[in-house]
Amino acid sequence: EIQRIGTASLGLHLEAECEGEARFMTSLTLVYVDAQGKSEPWP
């Protein structure tokens, strides 16, 4: 699930379950970068 979008970042939330039992939950931030690894705005 998308949590938020910033200028160059994206917050996501993921959950895993098996037969109704939660296995893990994670929140992560992706960053859009150029070839040199410098952040830049999402196209």
PDB file of all heavy atoms in Angstrom:
ATOM      1  N   GLU A   1       0.849  -1.189   0.000  1.00  0.00           N
ATOM      2  CA  GLU A   1       0.000   0.000   0.000  1.00  0.00           C
ATOM      3  C   GLU A   1       0.888   1.243   0.000  1.00  0.00           C
ATOM      4  O   GLU A   1       1.879   1.301   0.726  1.00  0.00           O
ATOM      5  CB  GLU A   1      -0.881  -0.005   1.246  1.00  0.00           C
ATOM      6  CG  GLU A   1      -1.844   1.148   1.326  1.00  0.00           C
ATOM      7  CD  GLU A   1      -2.749   1.039   2.545  1.00  0.00           C
ATOM      8  OE1 GLU A   1      -2.301   0.566   3.603  1.00  0.00           O
ATOM      9  OE2 GLU A   1      -3.916   1.431   2.427  1.00  0.00           O
ATOM     10  N   ILE A   2       0.516   2.228  -0.792  1.00  0.00           N
ATOM     11  CA  ILE A   2       1.245   3.498  -0.821  1.00  0.00           C
ATOM     12  C   ILE A   2       0.825   4.312   0.396  1.00  0.00           C
ATOM     13  O   ILE A   2      -0.365   4.502   0.636  1.00  0.00           O
ATOM     14  CB  ILE A   2       0.925   4.293  -2.102  1.00  0.00           C
ATOM     15  CG1 ILE A   2       1.238   3.466  -3.352  1.00  0.00           C
ATOM     16  CG2 ILE A   2       1.691   5.619  -2.118  1.00  0.00           C
ATOM     17  CD1 ILE A   2       0.626   4.037  -4.619  1.00  0.00           C
ATOM     18  N   GLN A   3       1.799   4.813   1.139  1.00  0.00           N
ATOM     19  CA  GLN A   3       1.526   5.649   2.301  1.00  0.00           C
ATOM     20  C   GLN A   3       1.609   7.137   1.965  1.00  0.00           C
ATOM     21  O   GLN A   3       0.822   7.929   2.440  1.00  0.00           O
ATOM     22  CB  GLN A   3       2.508   5.325   3.429  1.00  0.00           C
ATOM     23  CG  GLN A   3       2.369   3.911   3.964  1.00  0.00           C
ATOM     24  CD  GLN A   3       1.059   3.709   4.676  1.00  0.00           C
ATOM     25  OE1 GLN A   3       0.775   4.379   5.657  1.00  0.00           O
ATOM     26  NE2 GLN A   3       0.248   2.799   4.185  1.00  0.00           N
ATOM     27  N   ARG A   4       2.621   7.486   1.158  1.00  0.00           N
ATOM     28  CA  ARG A   4       2.804   8.896   0.825  1.00  0.00           C
ATOM     29  C   ARG A   4       3.761   9.007  -0.361  1.00  0.00           C
ATOM     30  O   ARG A   4       4.550   8.099  -0.620  1.00  0.00           O
ATOM     31  CB  ARG A   4       3.375   9.676   2.003  1.00  0.00           C
ATOM     32  CG  ARG A   4       4.729   9.185   2.443  1.00  0.00           C
ATOM     33  CD  ARG A   4       5.403  10.022   3.506  1.00  0.00           C
ATOM     34  NE  ARG A   4       6.662   9.407   3.865  1.00  0.00           N
ATOM     35  CZ  ARG A   4       7.745   9.363   3.097  1.00  0.00           C
ATOM     36  NH1 ARG A   4       7.733   9.907   1.905  1.00  0.00           N
ATOM     37  NH2 ARG A   4       8.847   8.771   3.509  1.00  0.00           N
ATOM     38  N   ILE A   5       3.666  10.123  -1.061  1.00  0.00           N
ATOM     39  CA  ILE A   5       4.627  10.420  -2.123  1.00  0.00           C
ATOM     40  C   ILE A   5       5.185  11.819  -1.868  1.00  0.00           C
ATOM     41  O   ILE A   5       4.436  12.753  -1.589  1.00  0.00           O
ATOM     42  CB  ILE A   5       4.014  10.303  -3.534  1.00  0.00           C
ATOM     43  CG1 ILE A   5       5.095  10.509  -4.593  1.00  0.00           C
ATOM     44  CG2 ILE A   5       2.823  11.223  -3.701  1.00  0.00           C
ATOM     45  CD1 ILE A   5       4.673  10.120  -5.996  1.00  0.00           C
ATOM     46  N   GLY A   6       6.496  11.911  -1.913  1.00  0.00           N
ATOM     47  CA  GLY A   6       7.174  13.191  -1.754  1.00  0.00           C
ATOM     48  C   GLY A   6       7.749  13.622  -3.094  1.00  0.00           C
ATOM     49  O   GLY A   6       7.451  13.039  -4.130  1.00  0.00           O
ATOM     50  N   THR A   7       8.597  14.626  -3.057  1.00  0.00           N
ATOM     51  CA  THR A   7       9.211  15.111  -4.290  1.00  0.00           C
ATOM     52  C   THR A   7      10.024  14.019  -4.971  1.00  0.00           C
ATOM     53  O   THR A   7       9.887  13.789  -6.169  1.00  0.00           O
ATOM     54  CB  THR A   7      10.113  16.333  -3.984  1.00  0.00           C
ATOM     55  OG1 THR A   7       9.311  17.332  -3.360  1.00  0.00           O
ATOM     56  CG2 THR A   7      10.736  16.889  -5.254  1.00  0.00           C
ATOM     57  N   ALA A   8      10.873  13.332  -4.196  1.00  0.00           N
ATOM     58  CA  ALA A   8      11.720  12.274  -4.743  1.00  0.00           C
ATOM     59  C   ALA A   8      11.571  10.962  -3.973  1.00  0.00           C
ATOM     60  O   ALA A   8      12.231   9.981  -4.291  1.00  0.00           O
ATOM     61  CB  ALA A   8      13.183  12.706  -4.711  1.00  0.00           C
ATOM     62  N   SER A   9      10.699  10.930  -2.975  1.00  0.00           N
ATOM     63  CA  SER A   9      10.567   9.735  -2.141  1.00  0.00           C
ATOM     64  C   SER A   9       9.156   9.148  -2.249  1.00  0.00           C
ATOM     65  O   SER A   9       8.223   9.807  -2.704  1.00  0.00           O
ATOM     66  CB  SER A   9      10.875  10.064  -0.688  1.00  0.00           C
ATOM     67  OG  SER A   9       9.921  10.963  -0.164  1.00  0.00           O
ATOM     68  N   LEU A  10       9.052   7.904  -1.812  1.00  0.00           N
ATOM     69  CA  LEU A  10       7.779   7.196  -1.831  1.00  0.00           C
ATOM     70  C   LEU A  10       7.724   6.295  -0.605  1.00  0.00           C
ATOM     71  O   LEU A  10       8.599   5.446  -0.416  1.00  0.00           O
ATOM     72  CB  LEU A  10       7.668   6.357  -3.106  1.00  0.00           C
ATOM     73  CG  LEU A  10       6.384   5.567  -3.310  1.00  0.00           C
ATOM     74  CD1 LEU A  10       5.185   6.512  -3.460  1.00  0.00           C
ATOM     75  CD2 LEU A  10       6.510   4.682  -4.546  1.00  0.00           C
ATOM     76  N   GLY A  11       6.726   6.494   0.230  1.00  0.00           N
ATOM     77  CA  GLY A  11       6.542   5.668   1.417  1.00  0.00           C
ATOM     78  C   GLY A  11       5.583   4.530   1.130  1.00  0.00           C
ATOM     79  O   GLY A  11       4.474   4.754   0.640  1.00  0.00           O
ATOM     80  N   LEU A  12       6.012   3.308   1.406  1.00  0.00           N
ATOM     81  CA  LEU A  12       5.193   2.127   1.174  1.00  0.00           C
ATOM     82  C   LEU A  12       5.052   1.327   2.464  1.00  0.00           C
ATOM     83  O   LEU A  12       5.947   1.338   3.312  1.00  0.00           O
ATOM     84  CB  LEU A  12       5.822   1.225   0.108  1.00  0.00           C
ATOM     85  CG  LEU A  12       6.060   1.843  -1.268  1.00  0.00           C
ATOM     86  CD1 LEU A  12       6.815   0.870  -2.166  1.00  0.00           C
ATOM     87  CD2 LEU A  12       4.743   2.240  -1.906  1.00  0.00           C
ATOM     88  N   HIS A  13       3.938   0.606   2.574  1.00  0.00           N
ATOM     89  CA  HIS A  13       3.710  -0.309   3.690  1.00  0.00           C
ATOM     90  C   HIS A  13       3.378  -1.667   3.082  1.00  0.00           C
ATOM     91  O   HIS A  13       2.537  -1.755   2.183  1.00  0.00           O
ATOM     92  CB  HIS A  13       2.551   0.179   4.566  1.00  0.00           C
ATOM     93  CG  HIS A  13       2.249  -0.735   5.690  1.00  0.00           C
ATOM     94  ND1 HIS A  13       3.003  -0.759   6.842  1.00  0.00           N
ATOM     95  CD2 HIS A  13       1.296  -1.686   5.832  1.00  0.00           C
ATOM     96  CE1 HIS A  13       2.512  -1.680   7.651  1.00  0.00           C
ATOM     97  NE2 HIS A  13       1.475  -2.254   7.063  1.00  0.00           N
ATOM     98  N   LEU A  14       4.057  -2.704   3.553  1.00  0.00           N
ATOM     99  CA  LEU A  14       3.799  -4.055   3.081  1.00  0.00           C
ATOM    100  C   LEU A  14       3.467  -4.949   4.259  1.00  0.00           C
ATOM    101  O   LEU A  14       4.033  -4.775   5.354  1.00  0.00           O
ATOM    102  CB  LEU A  14       5.010  -4.637   2.349  1.00  0.00           C
ATOM    103  CG  LEU A  14       5.308  -4.062   0.965  1.00  0.00           C
ATOM    104  CD1 LEU A  14       6.159  -2.828   1.074  1.00  0.00           C
ATOM    105  CD2 LEU A  14       5.985  -5.093   0.106  1.00  0.00           C
ATOM    106  N   GLU A  15       2.577  -5.893   4.038  1.00  0.00           N
ATOM    107  CA  GLU A  15       2.237  -6.889   5.040  1.00  0.00           C
ATOM    108  C   GLU A  15       2.205  -8.245   4.368  1.00  0.00           C
ATOM    109  O   GLU A  15       1.774  -8.359   3.214  1.00  0.00           O
ATOM    110  CB  GLU A  15       0.865  -6.606   5.654  1.00  0.00           C
ATOM    111  CG  GLU A  15       0.812  -5.347   6.470  1.00  0.00           C
ATOM    112  CD  GLU A  15      -0.536  -5.119   7.144  1.00  0.00           C
ATOM    113  OE1 GLU A  15      -1.409  -6.024   7.100  1.00  0.00           O
ATOM    114  OE2 GLU A  15      -0.714  -4.033   7.711  1.00  0.00           O
ATOM    115  N   ALA A  16       2.647  -9.262   5.100  1.00  0.00           N
ATOM    116  CA  ALA A  16       2.577 -10.634   4.605  1.00  0.00           C
ATOM    117  C   ALA A  16       1.764 -11.456   5.585  1.00  0.00           C
ATOM    118  O   ALA A  16       1.902 -11.315   6.804  1.00  0.00           O
ATOM    119  CB  ALA A  16       3.967 -11.227   4.455  1.00  0.00           C
ATOM    120  N   GLU A  17       0.906 -12.320   5.021  1.00  0.00           N
ATOM    121  CA  GLU A  17       0.118 -13.220   5.855  1.00  0.00           C
ATOM    122  C   GLU A  17       0.025 -14.572   5.157  1.00  0.00           C
ATOM    123  O   GLU A  17       0.179 -14.672   3.942  1.00  0.00           O
ATOM    124  CB  GLU A  17      -1.267 -12.642   6.160  1.00  0.00           C
ATOM    125  CG  GLU A  17      -2.158 -12.403   4.979  1.00  0.00           C
ATOM    126  CD  GLU A  17      -2.963 -13.616   4.538  1.00  0.00           C
ATOM    127  OE1 GLU A  17      -3.160 -14.559   5.333  1.00  0.00           O
ATOM    128  OE2 GLU A  17      -3.395 -13.637   3.386  1.00  0.00           O
ATOM    129  N   CYS A  18      -0.228 -15.587   5.956  1.00  0.00           N
ATOM    130  CA  CYS A  18      -0.422 -16.933   5.452  1.00  0.00           C
ATOM    131  C   CYS A  18      -1.595 -17.542   6.201  1.00  0.00           C
ATOM    132  O   CYS A  18      -1.558 -17.629   7.439  1.00  0.00           O
ATOM    133  CB  CYS A  18       0.842 -17.764   5.653  1.00  0.00           C
ATOM    134  SG  CYS A  18       0.707 -19.457   5.056  1.00  0.00           S
ATOM    135  N   GLU A  19      -2.624 -17.864   5.451  1.00  0.00           N
ATOM    136  CA  GLU A  19      -3.836 -18.447   6.037  1.00  0.00           C
ATOM    137  C   GLU A  19      -4.358 -17.622   7.209  1.00  0.00           C
ATOM    138  O   GLU A  19      -4.738 -18.139   8.247  1.00  0.00           O
ATOM    139  CB  GLU A  19      -3.594 -19.900   6.439  1.00  0.00           C
ATOM    140  CG  GLU A  19      -3.258 -20.783   5.251  1.00  0.00           C
ATOM    141  CD  GLU A  19      -3.009 -22.228   5.624  1.00  0.00           C
ATOM    142  OE1 GLU A  19      -3.119 -22.595   6.814  1.00  0.00           O
ATOM    143  OE2 GLU A  19      -2.703 -23.001   4.707  1.00  0.00           O
ATOM    144  N   GLY A  20      -4.342 -16.304   7.029  1.00  0.00           N
ATOM    145  CA  GLY A  20      -4.882 -15.388   8.024  1.00  0.00           C
ATOM    146  C   GLY A  20      -3.930 -15.017   9.149  1.00  0.00           C
ATOM    147  O   GLY A  20      -4.256 -14.172   9.983  1.00  0.00           O
ATOM    148  N   GLU A  21      -2.741 -15.601   9.181  1.00  0.00           N
ATOM    149  CA  GLU A  21      -1.766 -15.290  10.229  1.00  0.00           C
ATOM    150  C   GLU A  21      -0.725 -14.316   9.694  1.00  0.00           C
ATOM    151  O   GLU A  21      -0.083 -14.577   8.669  1.00  0.00           O
ATOM    152  CB  GLU A  21      -1.061 -16.563  10.709  1.00  0.00           C
ATOM    153  CG  GLU A  21      -0.027 -16.306  11.789  1.00  0.00           C
ATOM    154  CD  GLU A  21       0.702 -17.565  12.220  1.00  0.00           C
ATOM    155  OE1 GLU A  21       1.043 -18.397  11.362  1.00  0.00           O
ATOM    156  OE2 GLU A  21       0.929 -17.694  13.433  1.00  0.00           O
ATOM    157  N   ALA A  22      -0.542 -13.202  10.386  1.00  0.00           N
ATOM    158  CA  ALA A  22       0.460 -12.212   9.981  1.00  0.00           C
ATOM    159  C   ALA A  22       1.856 -12.809  10.134  1.00  0.00           C
ATOM    160  O   ALA A  22       2.148 -13.487  11.117  1.00  0.00           O
ATOM    161  CB  ALA A  22       0.335 -10.954  10.826  1.00  0.00           C
ATOM    162  N   ARG A  23       2.706 -12.538   9.161  1.00  0.00           N
ATOM    163  CA  ARG A  23       4.087 -13.022   9.204  1.00  0.00           C
ATOM    164  C   ARG A  23       5.086 -11.876   9.348  1.00  0.00           C
ATOM    165  O   ARG A  23       6.054 -11.990  10.063  1.00  0.00           O
ATOM    166  CB  ARG A  23       4.403 -13.855   7.962  1.00  0.00           C
ATOM    167  CG  ARG A  23       3.502 -15.081   7.804  1.00  0.00           C
ATOM    168  CD  ARG A  23       3.632 -16.036   9.000  1.00  0.00           C
ATOM    169  NE  ARG A  23       2.687 -17.117   8.975  1.00  0.00           N
ATOM    170  CZ  ARG A  23       2.887 -18.297   8.408  1.00  0.00           C
ATOM    171  NH1 ARG A  23       4.006 -18.541   7.765  1.00  0.00           N
ATOM    172  NH2 ARG A  23       1.959 -19.223   8.466  1.00  0.00           N
ATOM    173  N   PHE A  24       4.853 -10.779   8.624  1.00  0.00           N
ATOM    174  CA  PHE A  24       5.686  -9.593   8.816  1.00  0.00           C
ATOM    175  C   PHE A  24       4.940  -8.370   8.334  1.00  0.00           C
ATOM    176  O   PHE A  24       4.000  -8.451   7.544  1.00  0.00           O
ATOM    177  CB  PHE A  24       7.062  -9.712   8.142  1.00  0.00           C
ATOM    178  CG  PHE A  24       7.066  -9.658   6.638  1.00  0.00           C
ATOM    179  CD1 PHE A  24       6.962  -8.447   5.955  1.00  0.00           C
ATOM    180  CD2 PHE A  24       7.212 -10.810   5.887  1.00  0.00           C
ATOM    181  CE1 PHE A  24       6.987  -8.390   4.566  1.00  0.00           C
ATOM    182  CE2 PHE A  24       7.232 -10.774   4.497  1.00  0.00           C
ATOM    183  CZ  PHE A  24       7.116  -9.564   3.840  1.00  0.00           C
ATOM    184  N   MET A  25       5.388  -7.211   8.838  1.00  0.00           N
ATOM    185  CA  MET A  25       4.909  -5.901   8.401  1.00  0.00           C
ATOM    186  C   MET A  25       6.146  -5.045   8.187  1.00  0.00           C
ATOM    187  O   MET A  25       7.086  -5.111   8.989  1.00  0.00           O
ATOM    188  CB  MET A  25       4.026  -5.263   9.463  1.00  0.00           C
ATOM    189  CG  MET A  25       2.717  -5.989   9.679  1.00  0.00           C
ATOM    190  SD  MET A  25       1.914  -5.467  11.201  1.00  0.00           S
ATOM    191  CE  MET A  25       2.798  -6.494  12.365  1.00  0.00           C
ATOM    192  N   THR A  26       6.145  -4.268   7.141  1.00  0.00           N
ATOM    193  CA  THR A  26       7.300  -3.417   6.883  1.00  0.00           C
ATOM    194  C   THR A  26       6.861  -2.082   6.306  1.00  0.00           C
ATOM    195  O   THR A  26       5.876  -2.004   5.581  1.00  0.00           O
ATOM    196  CB  THR A  26       8.310  -4.119   5.935  1.00  0.00           C
ATOM    197  OG1 THR A  26       9.527  -3.410   5.907  1.00  0.00           O
ATOM    198  CG2 THR A  26       7.796  -4.241   4.528  1.00  0.00           C
ATOM    199  N   SER A  27       7.583  -1.052   6.671  1.00  0.00           N
ATOM    200  CA  SER A  27       7.427   0.272   6.085  1.00  0.00           C
ATOM    201  C   SER A  27       8.762   0.624   5.461  1.00  0.00           C
ATOM    202  O   SER A  27       9.811   0.399   6.070  1.00  0.00           O
ATOM    203  CB  SER A  27       7.053   1.303   7.151  1.00  0.00           C
ATOM    204  OG  SER A  27       5.781   1.000   7.674  1.00  0.00           O
ATOM    205  N   LEU A  28       8.715   1.149   4.247  1.00  0.00           N
ATOM    206  CA  LEU A  28       9.963   1.506   3.588  1.00  0.00           C
ATOM    207  C   LEU A  28       9.791   2.775   2.788  1.00  0.00           C
ATOM    208  O   LEU A  28       8.675   3.166   2.440  1.00  0.00           O
ATOM    209  CB  LEU A  28      10.465   0.365   2.702  1.00  0.00           C
ATOM    210  CG  LEU A  28       9.616  -0.082   1.526  1.00  0.00           C
ATOM    211  CD1 LEU A  28      10.107   0.549   0.242  1.00  0.00           C
ATOM    212  CD2 LEU A  28       9.684  -1.584   1.405  1.00  0.00           C
ATOM    213  N   THR A  29      10.919   3.409   2.535  1.00  0.00           N
ATOM    214  CA  THR A  29      10.952   4.614   1.721  1.00  0.00           C
ATOM    215  C   THR A  29      11.850   4.362   0.532  1.00  0.00           C
ATOM    216  O   THR A  29      13.020   3.990   0.692  1.00  0.00           O
ATOM    217  CB  THR A  29      11.488   5.819   2.527  1.00  0.00           C
ATOM    218  OG1 THR A  29      10.655   6.018   3.664  1.00  0.00           O
ATOM    219  CG2 THR A  29      11.515   7.083   1.675  1.00  0.00           C
ATOM    220  N   LEU A  30      11.289   4.525  -0.653  1.00  0.00           N
ATOM    221  CA  LEU A  30      12.068   4.473  -1.885  1.00  0.00           C
ATOM    222  C   LEU A  30      12.443   5.890  -2.268  1.00  0.00           C
ATOM    223  O   LEU A  30      11.697   6.832  -1.975  1.00  0.00           O
ATOM    224  CB  LEU A  30      11.247   3.860  -3.028  1.00  0.00           C
ATOM    225  CG  LEU A  30      10.748   2.444  -2.856  1.00  0.00           C
ATOM    226  CD1 LEU A  30       9.910   2.042  -4.071  1.00  0.00           C
ATOM    227  CD2 LEU A  30      11.890   1.474  -2.647  1.00  0.00           C
ATOM    228  N   VAL A  31      13.571   6.031  -2.948  1.00  0.00           N
ATOM    229  CA  VAL A  31      14.021   7.344  -3.404  1.00  0.00           C
ATOM    230  C   VAL A  31      14.340   7.236  -4.892  1.00  0.00           C
ATOM    231  O   VAL A  31      15.053   6.327  -5.315  1.00  0.00           O
ATOM    232  CB  VAL A  31      15.269   7.816  -2.622  1.00  0.00           C
ATOM    233  CG1 VAL A  31      15.709   9.190  -3.101  1.00  0.00           C
ATOM    234  CG2 VAL A  31      15.002   7.808  -1.131  1.00  0.00           C
ATOM    235  N   TYR A  32      13.796   8.146  -5.661  1.00  0.00           N
ATOM    236  CA  TYR A  32      14.090   8.191  -7.097  1.00  0.00           C
ATOM    237  C   TYR A  32      15.423   8.906  -7.276  1.00  0.00           C
ATOM    238  O   TYR A  32      15.603  10.041  -6.807  1.00  0.00           O
ATOM    239  CB  TYR A  32      12.972   8.927  -7.850  1.00  0.00           C
ATOM    240  CG  TYR A  32      13.084   8.799  -9.347  1.00  0.00           C
ATOM    241  CD1 TYR A  32      12.691   7.623  -9.980  1.00  0.00           C
ATOM    242  CD2 TYR A  32      13.576   9.833 -10.127  1.00  0.00           C
ATOM    243  CE1 TYR A  32      12.791   7.490 -11.357  1.00  0.00           C
ATOM    244  CE2 TYR A  32      13.677   9.708 -11.503  1.00  0.00           C
ATOM    245  CZ  TYR A  32      13.286   8.533 -12.110  1.00  0.00           C
ATOM    246  OH  TYR A  32      13.393   8.403 -13.474  1.00  0.00           O
ATOM    247  N   VAL A  33      16.394   8.223  -7.927  1.00  0.00           N
ATOM    248  CA  VAL A  33      17.741   8.786  -8.080  1.00  0.00           C
ATOM    249  C   VAL A  33      18.193   8.735  -9.532  1.00  0.00           C
ATOM    250  O   VAL A  33      17.705   7.924 -10.324  1.00  0.00           O
ATOM    251  CB  VAL A  33      18.771   8.036  -7.192  1.00  0.00           C
ATOM    252  CG1 VAL A  33      18.422   8.152  -5.712  1.00  0.00           C
ATOM    253  CG2 VAL A  33      18.906   6.576  -7.593  1.00  0.00           C
ATOM    254  N   ASP A  34      19.166   9.601  -9.841  1.00  0.00           N
ATOM    255  CA  ASP A  34      19.776   9.569 -11.166  1.00  0.00           C
ATOM    256  C   ASP A  34      20.876   8.511 -11.187  1.00  0.00           C
ATOM    257  O   ASP A  34      21.100   7.806 -10.197  1.00  0.00           O
ATOM    258  CB  ASP A  34      20.284  10.956 -11.577  1.00  0.00           C
ATOM    259  CG  ASP A  34      21.409  11.490 -10.701  1.00  0.00           C
ATOM    260  OD1 ASP A  34      22.053  10.703  -9.963  1.00  0.00           O
ATOM    261  OD2 ASP A  34      21.660  12.715 -10.756  1.00  0.00           O
ATOM    262  N   ALA A  35      21.581   8.394 -12.300  1.00  0.00           N
ATOM    263  CA  ALA A  35      22.611   7.363 -12.468  1.00  0.00           C
ATOM    264  C   ALA A  35      23.763   7.504 -11.468  1.00  0.00           C
ATOM    265  O   ALA A  35      24.461   6.536 -11.189  1.00  0.00           O
ATOM    266  CB  ALA A  35      23.143   7.383 -13.895  1.00  0.00           C
ATOM    267  N   GLN A  36      23.955   8.699 -10.915  1.00  0.00           N
ATOM    268  CA  GLN A  36      25.022   8.919  -9.932  1.00  0.00           C
ATOM    269  C   GLN A  36      24.522   8.717  -8.496  1.00  0.00           C
ATOM    270  O   GLN A  36      25.279   8.914  -7.541  1.00  0.00           O
ATOM    271  CB  GLN A  36      25.618  10.325 -10.084  1.00  0.00           C
ATOM    272  CG  GLN A  36      26.459  10.518 -11.344  1.00  0.00           C
ATOM    273  CD  GLN A  36      25.627  10.541 -12.620  1.00  0.00           C
ATOM    274  OE1 GLN A  36      24.589  11.187 -12.681  1.00  0.00           O
ATOM    275  NE2 GLN A  36      26.080   9.807 -13.619  1.00  0.00           N
ATOM    276  N   GLY A  37      23.261   8.379  -8.334  1.00  0.00           N
ATOM    277  CA  GLY A  37      22.710   8.137  -7.005  1.00  0.00           C
ATOM    278  C   GLY A  37      22.182   9.383  -6.313  1.00  0.00           C
ATOM    279  O   GLY A  37      21.856   9.342  -5.127  1.00  0.00           O
ATOM    280  N   LYS A  38      22.060  10.473  -7.038  1.00  0.00           N
ATOM    281  CA  LYS A  38      21.547  11.724  -6.467  1.00  0.00           C
ATOM    282  C   LYS A  38      20.028  11.765  -6.650  1.00  0.00           C
ATOM    283  O   LYS A  38      19.506  11.510  -7.735  1.00  0.00           O
ATOM    284  CB  LYS A  38      22.182  12.925  -7.173  1.00  0.00           C
ATOM    285  CG  LYS A  38      21.813  14.267  -6.575  1.00  0.00           C
ATOM    286  CD  LYS A  38      22.568  15.385  -7.288  1.00  0.00           C
ATOM    287  CE  LYS A  38      22.366  16.716  -6.633  1.00  0.00           C
ATOM    288  NZ  LYS A  38      21.063  17.262  -6.737  1.00  0.00           N
ATOM    289  N   SER A  39      19.316  12.088  -5.568  1.00  0.00           N
ATOM    290  CA  SER A  39      17.857  12.117  -5.667  1.00  0.00           C
ATOM    291  C   SER A  39      17.401  13.216  -6.621  1.00  0.00           C
ATOM    292  O   SER A  39      18.041  14.250  -6.748  1.00  0.00           O
ATOM    293  CB  SER A  39      17.228  12.319  -4.289  1.00  0.00           C
ATOM    294  OG  SER A  39      17.518  13.598  -3.784  1.00  0.00           O
ATOM    295  N   GLU A  40      16.305  12.928  -7.273  1.00  0.00           N
ATOM    296  CA  GLU A  40      15.680  13.910  -8.147  1.00  0.00           C
ATOM    297  C   GLU A  40      14.178  13.652  -8.153  1.00  0.00           C
ATOM    298  O   GLU A  40      13.731  12.564  -7.787  1.00  0.00           O
ATOM    299  CB  GLU A  40      16.264  13.882  -9.560  1.00  0.00           C
ATOM    300  CG  GLU A  40      16.113  12.608 -10.325  1.00  0.00           C
ATOM    301  CD  GLU A  40      16.728  12.720 -11.736  1.00  0.00           C
ATOM    302  OE1 GLU A  40      17.814  13.281 -11.898  1.00  0.00           O
ATOM    303  OE2 GLU A  40      16.074  12.227 -12.666  1.00  0.00           O
ATOM    304  N   PRO A  41      13.388  14.638  -8.538  1.00  0.00           N
ATOM    305  CA  PRO A  41      11.928  14.481  -8.503  1.00  0.00           C
ATOM    306  C   PRO A  41      11.436  13.325  -9.383  1.00  0.00           C
ATOM    307  O   PRO A  41      12.028  13.037 -10.432  1.00  0.00           O
ATOM    308  CB  PRO A  41      11.398  15.814  -9.031  1.00  0.00           C
ATOM    309  CG  PRO A  41      12.499  16.786  -8.781  1.00  0.00           C
ATOM    310  CD  PRO A  41      13.778  15.994  -8.954  1.00  0.00           C
ATOM    311  N   TRP A  42      10.343  12.711  -8.936  1.00  0.00           N
ATOM    312  CA  TRP A  42       9.698  11.677  -9.744  1.00  0.00           C
ATOM    313  C   TRP A  42       9.320  12.288 -11.090  1.00  0.00           C
ATOM    314  O   TRP A  42       8.818  13.413 -11.142  1.00  0.00           O
ATOM    315  CB  TRP A  42       8.430  11.174  -9.067  1.00  0.00           C
ATOM    316  CG  TRP A  42       8.676  10.421  -7.807  1.00  0.00           C
ATOM    317  CD1 TRP A  42       8.556  10.892  -6.538  1.00  0.00           C
ATOM    318  CD2 TRP A  42       9.087   9.057  -7.690  1.00  0.00           C
ATOM    319  NE1 TRP A  42       8.870   9.900  -5.634  1.00  0.00           N
ATOM    320  CE2 TRP A  42       9.201   8.764  -6.309  1.00  0.00           C
ATOM    321  CE3 TRP A  42       9.370   8.045  -8.611  1.00  0.00           C
ATOM    322  CZ2 TRP A  42       9.581   7.515  -5.837  1.00  0.00           C
ATOM    323  CZ3 TRP A  42       9.758   6.803  -8.120  1.00  0.00           C
ATOM    324  CH2 TRP A  42       9.854   6.540  -6.778  1.00  0.00           C
ATOM    325  N   PRO A  43       9.531  11.583 -12.186  1.00  0.00           N
ATOM    326  CA  PRO A  43       9.061  12.093 -13.481  1.00  0.00           C
ATOM    327  C   PRO A  43       7.545  12.277 -13.436  1.00  0.00           C
ATOM    328  O   PRO A  43       6.836  11.504 -12.784  1.00  0.00           O
ATOM    329  CB  PRO A  43       9.451  10.986 -14.466  1.00  0.00           C
ATOM    330  CG  PRO A  43      10.506  10.184 -13.772  1.00  0.00           C
ATOM    331  CD  PRO A  43      10.229  10.299 -12.310  1.00  0.00           C
TER     332      PRO A  43
END
